[in-house]
N, C-alpha and C. Protein backbone atom coordinates (compact mmCIF):
# COMPACT_ATOMS: atom_id res chain seq x y z
N UNK A 1 0.97 -1.43 -0.06
CA UNK A 1 0.18 -0.04 0.10
C UNK A 1 0.86 1.33 -0.26
N UNK A 2 0.76 2.24 -0.91
CA UNK A 2 1.48 3.59 -0.79
C UNK A 2 0.93 4.33 0.09
N UNK A 3 1.34 4.85 0.85
CA UNK A 3 1.08 6.16 1.59
C UNK A 3 1.44 7.50 1.16
N UNK A 4 0.24 8.25 1.46
CA UNK A 4 0.25 9.48 0.47
C UNK A 4 1.36 10.58 1.18
N UNK A 5 1.96 11.22 0.32
CA UNK A 5 2.99 12.13 1.09
C UNK A 5 2.50 13.70 1.09
N UNK A 6 2.62 14.46 1.95
CA UNK A 6 2.88 15.84 1.99
C UNK A 6 3.39 16.81 2.40
N UNK A 7 3.69 17.79 1.47
CA UNK A 7 5.08 18.83 1.85
C UNK A 7 4.57 19.91 2.06
N UNK A 8 5.53 20.61 2.54
CA UNK A 8 5.63 22.10 2.73
C UNK A 8 4.17 22.36 3.98
N UNK A 9 4.24 21.49 4.75
CA UNK A 9 3.31 22.00 5.91
C UNK A 9 4.20 22.08 7.08
N UNK A 10 5.07 21.55 7.74
CA UNK A 10 5.66 21.94 8.67
C UNK A 10 7.30 21.88 8.63
N UNK A 11 7.80 22.14 9.56
CA UNK A 11 9.58 22.44 9.36
C UNK A 11 9.64 22.05 10.82
N UNK A 12 11.34 21.77 10.68
CA UNK A 12 11.48 21.35 12.08
C UNK A 12 12.84 22.02 11.85
N UNK A 13 12.76 23.50 13.08
CA UNK A 13 14.09 24.13 13.19
C UNK A 13 14.23 24.68 11.33
N UNK A 14 12.98 24.96 10.85
CA UNK A 14 13.41 25.54 9.44
C UNK A 14 13.36 24.43 8.20
N UNK A 15 13.89 23.30 8.65
CA UNK A 15 13.75 22.34 7.53
C UNK A 15 12.71 21.64 7.37
N UNK A 16 11.86 21.71 5.58
CA UNK A 16 10.90 20.99 5.47
C UNK A 16 10.68 19.75 5.80
N UNK A 17 9.62 19.22 6.35
CA UNK A 17 9.35 17.77 6.70
C UNK A 17 8.18 17.85 5.72
N UNK A 18 8.25 16.15 5.60
CA UNK A 18 7.28 14.98 5.01
C UNK A 18 6.41 14.38 5.73
N UNK A 19 5.01 14.99 5.41
CA UNK A 19 4.40 14.24 6.53
C UNK A 19 3.55 13.35 5.48
N UNK A 20 3.44 11.82 6.38
CA UNK A 20 2.77 10.93 5.72
C UNK A 20 1.18 10.35 6.09
N UNK A 21 -0.07 10.37 4.95
CA UNK A 21 -1.07 10.15 5.23
C UNK A 21 -1.86 11.05 4.70
N UNK A 22 -3.19 11.43 4.92
CA UNK A 22 -3.95 12.26 3.77
C UNK A 22 -4.22 13.53 4.93
N UNK A 23 -5.02 14.29 4.38
CA UNK A 23 -4.99 15.32 4.99
C UNK A 23 -6.54 15.88 5.53
N UNK A 24 -6.54 15.24 6.82
CA UNK A 24 -8.08 15.51 6.98
C UNK A 24 -7.88 16.55 7.27
N UNK A 25 -9.88 16.86 7.23
CA UNK A 25 -10.32 18.12 7.32
C UNK A 25 -11.48 18.64 8.00
N UNK A 26 -11.55 19.99 8.70
CA UNK A 26 -12.54 20.37 9.40
C UNK A 26 -13.81 19.84 8.95
N UNK A 27 -14.54 19.43 9.68
CA UNK A 27 -16.22 18.75 8.90
C UNK A 27 -16.17 17.49 8.49
N UNK A 28 -14.92 16.89 8.32
CA UNK A 28 -14.96 15.20 8.45
C UNK A 28 -15.48 14.19 9.53
N UNK A 29 -15.90 13.52 9.06
CA UNK A 29 -15.60 12.29 10.63
C UNK A 29 -14.35 11.93 10.87
N UNK A 30 -14.15 12.15 11.79
CA UNK A 30 -12.71 12.12 12.56
C UNK A 30 -12.66 10.06 12.15
N UNK A 31 -11.31 10.21 12.02
CA UNK A 31 -10.92 8.46 11.51
C UNK A 31 -10.38 8.25 12.98
N UNK A 32 -11.00 6.69 12.36
CA UNK A 32 -10.73 5.58 13.84
C UNK A 32 -9.04 5.27 13.75
N UNK A 33 -8.47 5.41 14.68
CA UNK A 33 -7.59 4.93 15.04
C UNK A 33 -7.17 4.17 16.30
N UNK A 34 -6.11 3.18 16.37
CA UNK A 34 -5.81 2.67 17.38
C UNK A 34 -4.25 3.02 18.23
N UNK A 35 -4.49 3.24 19.78
CA UNK A 35 -3.50 3.89 20.21
C UNK A 35 -3.13 2.80 21.39
N UNK A 36 -2.26 3.40 21.98
CA UNK A 36 -1.94 2.16 23.37
C UNK A 36 -1.59 3.41 24.34
N UNK A 37 -2.36 2.65 25.46
CA UNK A 37 -2.26 3.57 26.51
C UNK A 37 -1.26 2.95 27.65
N UNK A 38 -1.02 3.95 28.51
CA UNK A 38 0.15 3.76 29.59
C UNK A 38 0.17 2.29 30.25
N UNK A 39 -0.46 1.65 30.34
CA UNK A 39 -0.71 0.22 30.82
C UNK A 39 -0.51 -0.94 29.83
N UNK A 40 -0.36 -0.60 28.28
CA UNK A 40 -0.40 -1.26 27.16
C UNK A 40 -1.53 -1.81 26.66
N UNK A 41 -2.78 -1.02 27.15
CA UNK A 41 -3.86 -1.55 26.54
C UNK A 41 -3.87 -0.80 25.40
N UNK A 42 -4.97 -1.22 24.61
CA UNK A 42 -5.33 -0.22 23.10
C UNK A 42 -6.65 0.32 23.80
N UNK A 43 -6.23 1.78 22.69
CA UNK A 43 -7.40 2.60 23.04
C UNK A 43 -7.44 2.45 21.63
N UNK A 44 -9.20 2.96 20.93
CA UNK A 44 -9.69 3.62 20.03
C UNK A 44 -9.70 4.79 19.90
N UNK A 45 -9.57 5.84 18.99
CA UNK A 45 -10.50 7.35 18.94
C UNK A 45 -11.68 7.03 19.24
N UNK A 46 -12.49 6.38 18.07
CA UNK A 46 -13.80 5.97 18.40
C UNK A 46 -14.81 5.67 19.54
N UNK A 47 -13.57 5.42 20.25
CA UNK A 47 -14.11 4.79 21.80
C UNK A 47 -14.63 6.18 22.56
N UNK A 48 -14.08 7.65 21.93
CA UNK A 48 -14.56 8.71 22.84
C UNK A 48 -15.62 9.50 22.31
N UNK A 49 -16.24 8.83 20.84
CA UNK A 49 -17.30 9.73 20.87
C UNK A 49 -18.56 9.71 21.78
N UNK A 50 -19.21 10.99 21.81
CA UNK A 50 -20.21 10.97 22.89
C UNK A 50 -19.77 12.22 23.84
N UNK A 51 -18.07 12.49 24.05
CA UNK A 51 -17.58 13.35 24.85
C UNK A 51 -17.09 14.47 23.75
N UNK A 52 -16.48 15.77 24.08
CA UNK A 52 -15.78 17.04 23.18
C UNK A 52 -14.52 16.50 23.67
N UNK A 53 -13.78 16.41 22.31
CA UNK A 53 -12.30 15.91 22.70
C UNK A 53 -11.33 16.80 21.75
N UNK A 54 -10.29 16.92 22.75
CA UNK A 54 -9.08 17.74 21.89
C UNK A 54 -7.94 16.08 22.04
N UNK A 55 -7.72 16.70 20.50
CA UNK A 55 -6.58 15.53 20.68
C UNK A 55 -5.08 16.53 20.53
N UNK A 56 -4.08 16.23 21.37
CA UNK A 56 -3.02 17.04 21.35
C UNK A 56 -1.99 16.32 20.99
N UNK A 57 -1.35 16.51 19.64
CA UNK A 57 -0.44 15.45 18.87
C UNK A 57 1.11 16.36 19.26
N UNK A 58 2.00 15.28 19.83
CA UNK A 58 3.37 16.04 20.33
C UNK A 58 4.56 14.73 19.42
N UNK A 59 5.78 15.60 18.86
CA UNK A 59 7.11 14.25 19.10
C UNK A 59 7.08 13.51 19.57
N UNK A 60 7.24 14.17 21.16
CA UNK A 60 8.07 13.70 22.02
C UNK A 60 7.75 14.48 23.72
N UNK A 61 7.01 13.87 25.04
CA UNK A 61 6.64 14.23 25.77
C UNK A 61 8.39 14.87 26.36
N UNK A 62 9.25 14.26 25.97
CA UNK A 62 10.78 14.30 26.71
C UNK A 62 11.46 15.92 26.39
N UNK A 63 10.65 16.47 25.51
CA UNK A 63 11.14 17.88 24.60
C UNK A 63 10.32 19.06 25.26
N UNK A 64 11.06 19.93 25.70
CA UNK A 64 10.52 21.03 26.31
C UNK A 64 9.28 21.93 25.38
N UNK A 65 8.77 22.04 24.34
CA UNK A 65 7.72 22.37 24.45
C UNK A 65 6.47 21.17 24.21
N UNK A 66 7.13 19.73 23.92
CA UNK A 66 5.73 18.87 24.68
C UNK A 66 5.72 18.89 25.54
N UNK A 67 6.44 19.20 26.22
CA UNK A 67 5.96 19.12 27.90
C UNK A 67 5.33 20.56 28.49
N UNK A 68 5.58 21.37 27.87
CA UNK A 68 4.99 22.79 28.08
C UNK A 68 3.19 22.59 27.16
N UNK A 69 3.11 22.23 26.51
CA UNK A 69 2.13 21.78 25.32
C UNK A 69 1.31 20.98 26.42
N UNK A 70 1.82 19.67 26.63
CA UNK A 70 0.84 18.79 27.59
C UNK A 70 0.65 19.42 28.94
N UNK A 71 1.53 20.09 29.81
CA UNK A 71 0.86 20.71 31.00
C UNK A 71 -0.35 21.72 30.62
N UNK A 72 0.02 22.57 29.58
CA UNK A 72 -0.94 23.72 29.45
C UNK A 72 -2.49 23.08 29.14
N UNK A 73 -2.17 21.82 28.42
CA UNK A 73 -4.06 21.14 28.17
C UNK A 73 -4.04 21.02 29.34
N UNK A 74 -3.46 20.31 30.02
CA UNK A 74 -3.82 19.43 31.79
C UNK A 74 -4.44 20.76 32.76
N UNK A 75 -3.90 21.91 32.33
CA UNK A 75 -4.52 23.20 33.04
C UNK A 75 -5.87 23.76 32.80
N UNK A 76 -6.00 23.48 31.38
CA UNK A 76 -7.15 23.75 30.90
C UNK A 76 -8.26 23.04 31.16
N UNK A 77 -7.84 21.42 31.06
CA UNK A 77 -8.62 20.34 31.40
C UNK A 77 -9.72 20.66 32.56
N UNK A 78 -9.06 21.19 33.50
CA UNK A 78 -9.00 21.23 34.74
C UNK A 78 -10.63 22.59 35.03
N UNK A 79 -10.39 22.71 34.18
CA UNK A 79 -11.55 24.15 33.48
C UNK A 79 -12.74 23.81 33.08
N UNK A 80 -12.78 22.68 32.06
CA UNK A 80 -13.56 22.46 31.34
C UNK A 80 -14.97 21.75 31.51
N UNK A 81 -14.53 20.42 32.65
CA UNK A 81 -15.64 19.50 33.06
C UNK A 81 -15.52 18.36 32.49
N UNK A 82 -16.30 17.62 33.01
CA UNK A 82 -16.31 15.86 32.65
C UNK A 82 -16.85 15.71 31.32
N UNK A 83 -17.23 16.60 30.93
CA UNK A 83 -17.95 16.27 29.11
C UNK A 83 -17.29 16.37 27.76
N UNK A 84 -15.35 17.02 28.21
CA UNK A 84 -14.40 17.24 27.58
C UNK A 84 -13.49 16.08 27.84
N UNK A 85 -12.44 15.57 27.17
CA UNK A 85 -11.60 14.76 27.09
C UNK A 85 -10.47 15.52 26.40
N UNK A 86 -9.00 15.07 26.80
CA UNK A 86 -7.79 15.83 26.19
C UNK A 86 -6.94 14.66 26.27
N UNK A 87 -6.69 13.97 24.86
CA UNK A 87 -5.53 12.90 24.64
C UNK A 87 -4.50 13.79 24.53
N UNK A 88 -3.27 13.50 25.17
CA UNK A 88 -2.06 13.71 24.48
C UNK A 88 -1.65 12.30 23.75
N UNK A 89 -0.96 12.63 22.27
CA UNK A 89 -0.44 11.77 21.25
C UNK A 89 0.82 11.57 21.42
N UNK A 90 1.85 10.93 21.50
CA UNK A 90 2.77 10.29 20.69
C UNK A 90 3.33 9.57 20.31
N UNK A 91 4.74 9.12 19.74
CA UNK A 91 5.07 7.92 19.67
C UNK A 91 6.19 7.74 20.63
N UNK A 92 6.03 8.59 21.97
CA UNK A 92 6.81 7.88 22.92
C UNK A 92 6.42 6.34 23.54
N UNK A 93 7.59 5.43 24.12
CA UNK A 93 6.98 3.94 24.47
C UNK A 93 5.68 4.69 26.00
N UNK A 94 4.98 4.15 26.01
CA UNK A 94 4.06 3.82 26.74
C UNK A 94 5.35 4.07 28.20
N UNK A 95 5.94 3.32 28.40
CA UNK A 95 6.90 3.93 29.65
C UNK A 95 7.33 5.05 29.81
N UNK A 96 7.57 5.57 29.12
CA UNK A 96 8.14 6.71 28.99
C UNK A 96 7.20 7.87 29.59
N UNK A 97 5.81 8.01 28.60
CA UNK A 97 4.93 8.49 29.30
C UNK A 97 4.59 8.21 30.29
N UNK A 98 4.47 7.21 30.77
CA UNK A 98 4.10 6.73 32.32
C UNK A 98 5.17 7.49 33.08
N UNK A 99 6.55 7.42 33.04
CA UNK A 99 7.55 8.11 33.48
C UNK A 99 7.32 9.54 33.65
N UNK A 100 6.92 10.12 32.52
CA UNK A 100 6.92 11.24 32.39
C UNK A 100 5.63 11.90 33.24
N UNK A 101 4.51 11.01 33.35
CA UNK A 101 3.47 11.38 34.01
C UNK A 101 3.72 11.42 35.54
N UNK A 102 4.41 10.81 35.86
CA UNK A 102 5.06 10.64 37.33
C UNK A 102 5.88 11.96 37.80
N UNK A 103 6.62 12.41 37.30
CA UNK A 103 7.64 13.16 36.88
C UNK A 103 6.92 14.43 37.46
N UNK A 104 6.08 14.54 36.14
CA UNK A 104 4.89 15.69 36.32
C UNK A 104 4.23 15.92 37.34
N UNK A 105 3.75 14.77 37.72
CA UNK A 105 2.57 14.48 39.23
C UNK A 105 3.90 15.30 40.41
N UNK A 106 4.89 15.30 40.44
CA UNK A 106 5.66 16.08 41.47
C UNK A 106 6.18 17.25 41.42
N UNK A 107 5.75 17.99 40.34
CA UNK A 107 6.00 19.16 40.43
C UNK A 107 4.93 20.38 40.97
N UNK A 108 5.35 21.59 40.77
CA UNK A 108 4.91 23.04 41.37
C UNK A 108 4.11 22.26 42.57
N UNK A 109 4.66 21.90 43.72
CA UNK A 109 4.46 21.62 45.24
C UNK A 109 2.88 20.69 45.13
N UNK A 110 2.75 19.58 44.44
CA UNK A 110 1.97 18.54 44.50
C UNK A 110 1.14 18.95 43.68
N UNK A 111 1.02 19.70 42.68
CA UNK A 111 0.08 20.03 41.82
C UNK A 111 0.57 19.25 40.82
N UNK A 112 -0.42 18.35 40.07
CA UNK A 112 -0.39 17.20 39.20
C UNK A 112 -0.25 17.52 38.21
N UNK A 113 0.71 17.87 36.82
CA UNK A 113 0.53 17.97 35.51
C UNK A 113 0.38 16.94 34.60
N UNK A 114 -0.45 16.15 34.96
CA UNK A 114 -0.93 15.38 34.22
C UNK A 114 -1.78 14.96 34.35
N UNK A 115 -2.92 15.07 35.61
CA UNK A 115 -3.93 14.22 36.29
C UNK A 115 -5.44 14.66 35.35
N UNK A 116 -5.16 15.83 34.55
CA UNK A 116 -6.48 15.84 33.66
C UNK A 116 -6.53 15.23 31.91
N UNK A 117 -5.18 14.93 31.97
CA UNK A 117 -5.34 14.50 30.33
C UNK A 117 -5.03 13.10 30.37
N UNK A 118 -4.93 12.61 29.49
CA UNK A 118 -4.40 11.16 28.88
C UNK A 118 -3.75 10.96 28.34
N UNK A 119 -2.40 10.09 28.42
CA UNK A 119 -1.29 10.20 27.63
C UNK A 119 -1.48 8.79 27.35
N UNK A 120 -1.35 9.17 25.59
CA UNK A 120 -1.42 7.41 24.69
C UNK A 120 -0.22 7.41 23.73
N UNK A 121 0.11 6.46 23.49
CA UNK A 121 1.29 6.46 22.27
C UNK A 121 0.43 5.86 21.34
N UNK A 122 1.26 6.12 20.15
CA UNK A 122 1.10 5.31 18.75
C UNK A 122 2.24 4.78 17.94
N UNK A 123 3.13 4.18 19.37
CA UNK A 123 4.77 3.59 19.06
C UNK A 123 4.01 2.54 18.05
N UNK A 124 3.16 1.56 18.61
CA UNK A 124 2.63 0.31 17.68
C UNK A 124 2.65 0.61 16.52
N UNK A 125 1.29 0.60 16.12
CA UNK A 125 1.06 0.69 14.59
C UNK A 125 1.20 1.97 13.70
N UNK A 126 1.57 3.24 14.39
CA UNK A 126 1.42 4.31 13.81
C UNK A 126 0.22 4.90 13.31
N UNK A 127 -0.56 4.24 13.74
CA UNK A 127 -2.52 4.10 13.10
C UNK A 127 -2.71 5.74 13.13
N UNK A 128 -2.67 6.49 14.07
CA UNK A 128 -3.13 7.49 14.40
C UNK A 128 -2.30 8.33 13.43
N UNK A 129 -0.94 8.15 13.08
CA UNK A 129 -0.24 9.46 12.56
C UNK A 129 -0.69 8.97 11.05
N UNK A 130 -0.40 8.00 10.36
CA UNK A 130 -0.76 7.71 9.32
C UNK A 130 -2.43 7.87 8.97
N UNK A 131 -3.16 8.18 9.94
CA UNK A 131 -4.49 8.20 9.41
C UNK A 131 -4.79 9.56 9.67
N UNK A 132 -4.41 10.43 10.65
CA UNK A 132 -4.25 11.57 10.46
C UNK A 132 -3.64 12.21 9.90
N UNK A 133 -2.48 11.92 8.78
CA UNK A 133 -1.53 12.56 8.01
C UNK A 133 -0.52 13.13 8.77
N UNK A 134 -0.05 12.58 10.21
CA UNK A 134 0.82 13.50 11.04
C UNK A 134 2.05 12.95 11.31
N UNK A 135 2.67 12.07 10.97
CA UNK A 135 3.87 10.82 10.82
C UNK A 135 4.63 11.44 10.54
N UNK A 136 5.54 11.95 10.30
CA UNK A 136 6.88 12.71 9.92
C UNK A 136 7.59 11.32 9.56
N UNK A 137 8.12 11.70 7.68
CA UNK A 137 8.67 10.68 7.25
C UNK A 137 10.13 10.75 7.48
N UNK A 138 10.84 9.57 8.10
CA UNK A 138 12.24 9.25 8.31
C UNK A 138 12.01 9.43 9.69
N UNK A 139 11.50 9.91 10.32
CA UNK A 139 11.40 10.11 11.88
C UNK A 139 10.95 9.45 12.59
N UNK A 140 9.35 9.52 12.33
CA UNK A 140 8.78 8.07 12.71
C UNK A 140 8.36 8.95 14.47
N UNK A 141 8.11 10.11 14.21
CA UNK A 141 7.48 10.82 15.37
C UNK A 141 6.20 11.64 14.56
N UNK A 142 5.36 12.07 15.58
CA UNK A 142 4.06 13.01 15.55
C UNK A 142 4.64 14.65 15.10
N UNK A 143 3.92 15.05 13.95
CA UNK A 143 3.83 16.39 13.84
C UNK A 143 2.83 17.36 14.76
N UNK A 144 3.35 18.67 15.49
CA UNK A 144 2.39 19.01 16.46
C UNK A 144 1.69 19.22 16.02
N UNK A 145 0.38 18.91 16.76
CA UNK A 145 -1.00 19.79 16.20
C UNK A 145 -2.02 19.48 17.06
N UNK A 146 -3.06 20.24 16.63
CA UNK A 146 -4.23 20.04 17.69
C UNK A 146 -5.57 19.80 16.93
N UNK A 147 -6.16 19.31 17.59
CA UNK A 147 -7.73 18.46 16.64
C UNK A 147 -8.74 18.56 17.67
N UNK A 148 -9.81 19.15 17.40
CA UNK A 148 -11.21 19.22 18.38
C UNK A 148 -12.14 18.28 17.51
N UNK A 149 -12.67 17.57 18.34
CA UNK A 149 -13.89 16.74 17.50
C UNK A 149 -14.85 16.72 18.58
N UNK A 150 -15.99 17.07 17.65
CA UNK A 150 -17.30 16.85 18.56
C UNK A 150 -18.08 15.65 19.09
N UNK A 151 -19.01 15.89 20.09
CA UNK A 151 -19.34 14.59 20.55
C UNK A 151 -19.74 13.54 19.38
N UNK A 152 -20.11 13.87 17.82
CA UNK A 152 -20.60 13.49 16.97
C UNK A 152 -19.80 12.37 16.25
N UNK A 153 -18.44 13.04 16.68
CA UNK A 153 -17.46 12.55 15.89
C UNK A 153 -16.88 12.82 14.85
N UNK A 154 -17.38 14.25 14.45
CA UNK A 154 -16.93 15.32 13.73
C UNK A 154 -15.38 16.14 13.73
N UNK A 155 -14.32 16.71 13.07
CA UNK A 155 -13.69 17.03 13.36
C UNK A 155 -14.00 18.62 13.06
N UNK A 156 -13.83 19.54 14.42
CA UNK A 156 -14.05 20.82 13.79
C UNK A 156 -12.99 21.89 14.17
N UNK A 157 -12.09 21.60 14.48
CA UNK A 157 -10.80 22.48 14.31
C UNK A 157 -9.68 21.63 14.02
N UNK A 158 -8.72 21.91 13.35
CA UNK A 158 -7.61 21.52 13.30
C UNK A 158 -6.64 22.34 13.09
N UNK A 159 -5.17 22.18 13.86
CA UNK A 159 -4.36 22.94 13.67
C UNK A 159 -2.91 22.05 13.54
N UNK A 160 -2.11 22.05 12.31
CA UNK A 160 -1.00 21.55 12.70
C UNK A 160 0.14 23.03 12.27
N UNK A 161 0.74 22.74 13.58
CA UNK A 161 1.80 23.90 13.90
C UNK A 161 2.48 23.96 12.87
N UNK A 162 3.11 25.34 12.12
CA UNK A 162 3.99 25.37 10.96
C UNK A 162 5.45 24.96 11.20
N UNK A 163 5.67 24.85 12.68
CA UNK A 163 6.81 24.66 12.91
C UNK A 163 6.85 23.88 14.42
N UNK A 164 7.63 22.87 14.19
CA UNK A 164 7.43 21.84 15.04
C UNK A 164 8.12 22.49 16.80
N UNK A 165 8.72 22.83 16.33
CA UNK A 165 9.48 23.48 17.53
C UNK A 165 8.68 24.65 18.64
N UNK A 166 7.57 25.12 18.08
CA UNK A 166 6.79 26.34 18.45
C UNK A 166 5.44 25.52 19.12
N UNK A 167 5.19 26.14 19.98
CA UNK A 167 3.53 25.68 20.45
C UNK A 167 2.56 25.84 19.42
N UNK A 168 1.33 25.44 19.76
CA UNK A 168 0.21 25.46 18.96
C UNK A 168 -0.43 27.20 19.59
N UNK A 169 -1.69 26.92 19.11
CA UNK A 169 -2.83 28.13 19.01
C UNK A 169 -3.84 27.49 20.01
N UNK A 170 -3.16 27.81 21.66
CA UNK A 170 -4.04 27.28 22.29
C UNK A 170 -5.56 28.10 22.29
N UNK A 171 -5.56 29.50 22.25
CA UNK A 171 -6.53 30.02 22.73
C UNK A 171 -7.73 29.92 21.28
N UNK A 172 -7.26 29.26 20.18
CA UNK A 172 -7.94 29.02 18.70
C UNK A 172 -8.63 27.69 19.08
N UNK A 173 -7.84 26.83 19.37
CA UNK A 173 -8.64 25.53 19.83
C UNK A 173 -9.39 25.00 21.24
N UNK A 174 -9.12 25.94 22.34
CA UNK A 174 -10.43 26.07 23.49
C UNK A 174 -11.24 26.95 22.62
N UNK A 175 -11.08 28.05 22.27
CA UNK A 175 -12.44 28.66 21.38
C UNK A 175 -13.20 27.66 20.59
N UNK A 176 -12.18 26.90 19.60
CA UNK A 176 -13.54 26.06 18.80
C UNK A 176 -13.88 25.18 19.77
N UNK A 177 -13.52 24.46 21.30
CA UNK A 177 -14.05 23.49 22.04
C UNK A 177 -15.43 24.16 22.44
N UNK A 178 -15.45 25.42 23.07
CA UNK A 178 -16.26 26.10 23.85
C UNK A 178 -17.45 26.57 22.82
N UNK A 179 -17.11 26.70 21.31
CA UNK A 179 -18.42 26.80 20.68
C UNK A 179 -19.05 24.83 19.97
N UNK A 180 -18.77 24.27 20.49
CA UNK A 180 -19.23 22.88 20.66
C UNK A 180 -20.30 22.90 21.34
N UNK A 181 -21.83 22.63 20.87
CA UNK A 181 -23.17 22.34 21.81
C UNK A 181 -22.80 21.14 22.67
């Protein structure tokens, strides 16, 4: 099977990257993909239908910008209520994600920087990366992106950050989320 390649979408330190997979768009049904939870169980994106969903895709939790992005979404999650789920997806092994969550739990005088979000890994199948067009060719990392999916499973917001080393537009994603019924 030939995987679609897309160029001129994002860069890493100014160098163009090639993304593998289709260009999913706002308004379309969110494709299903299988990722892996920290306990090695499989999780399907479709299992979140019925909730408002933010998917925060990051290259690796062990990098400063990914760490900031994940902590920021965790802070925001605490303000959004139980009808919202936030997933952080990376290619990190579940063990590394679990270690990051444990380290994040000890920061800021007991405040847990990962207690409101769920980290999941795309390491096993690259199913999410290929299905959402976010897998970086040659690096087997995910491009930095944010998607907002409504309760019916439709994509309502999408940002692929133009430079992997930059943070996403949190305000735009949160505005899109809050606009959902």
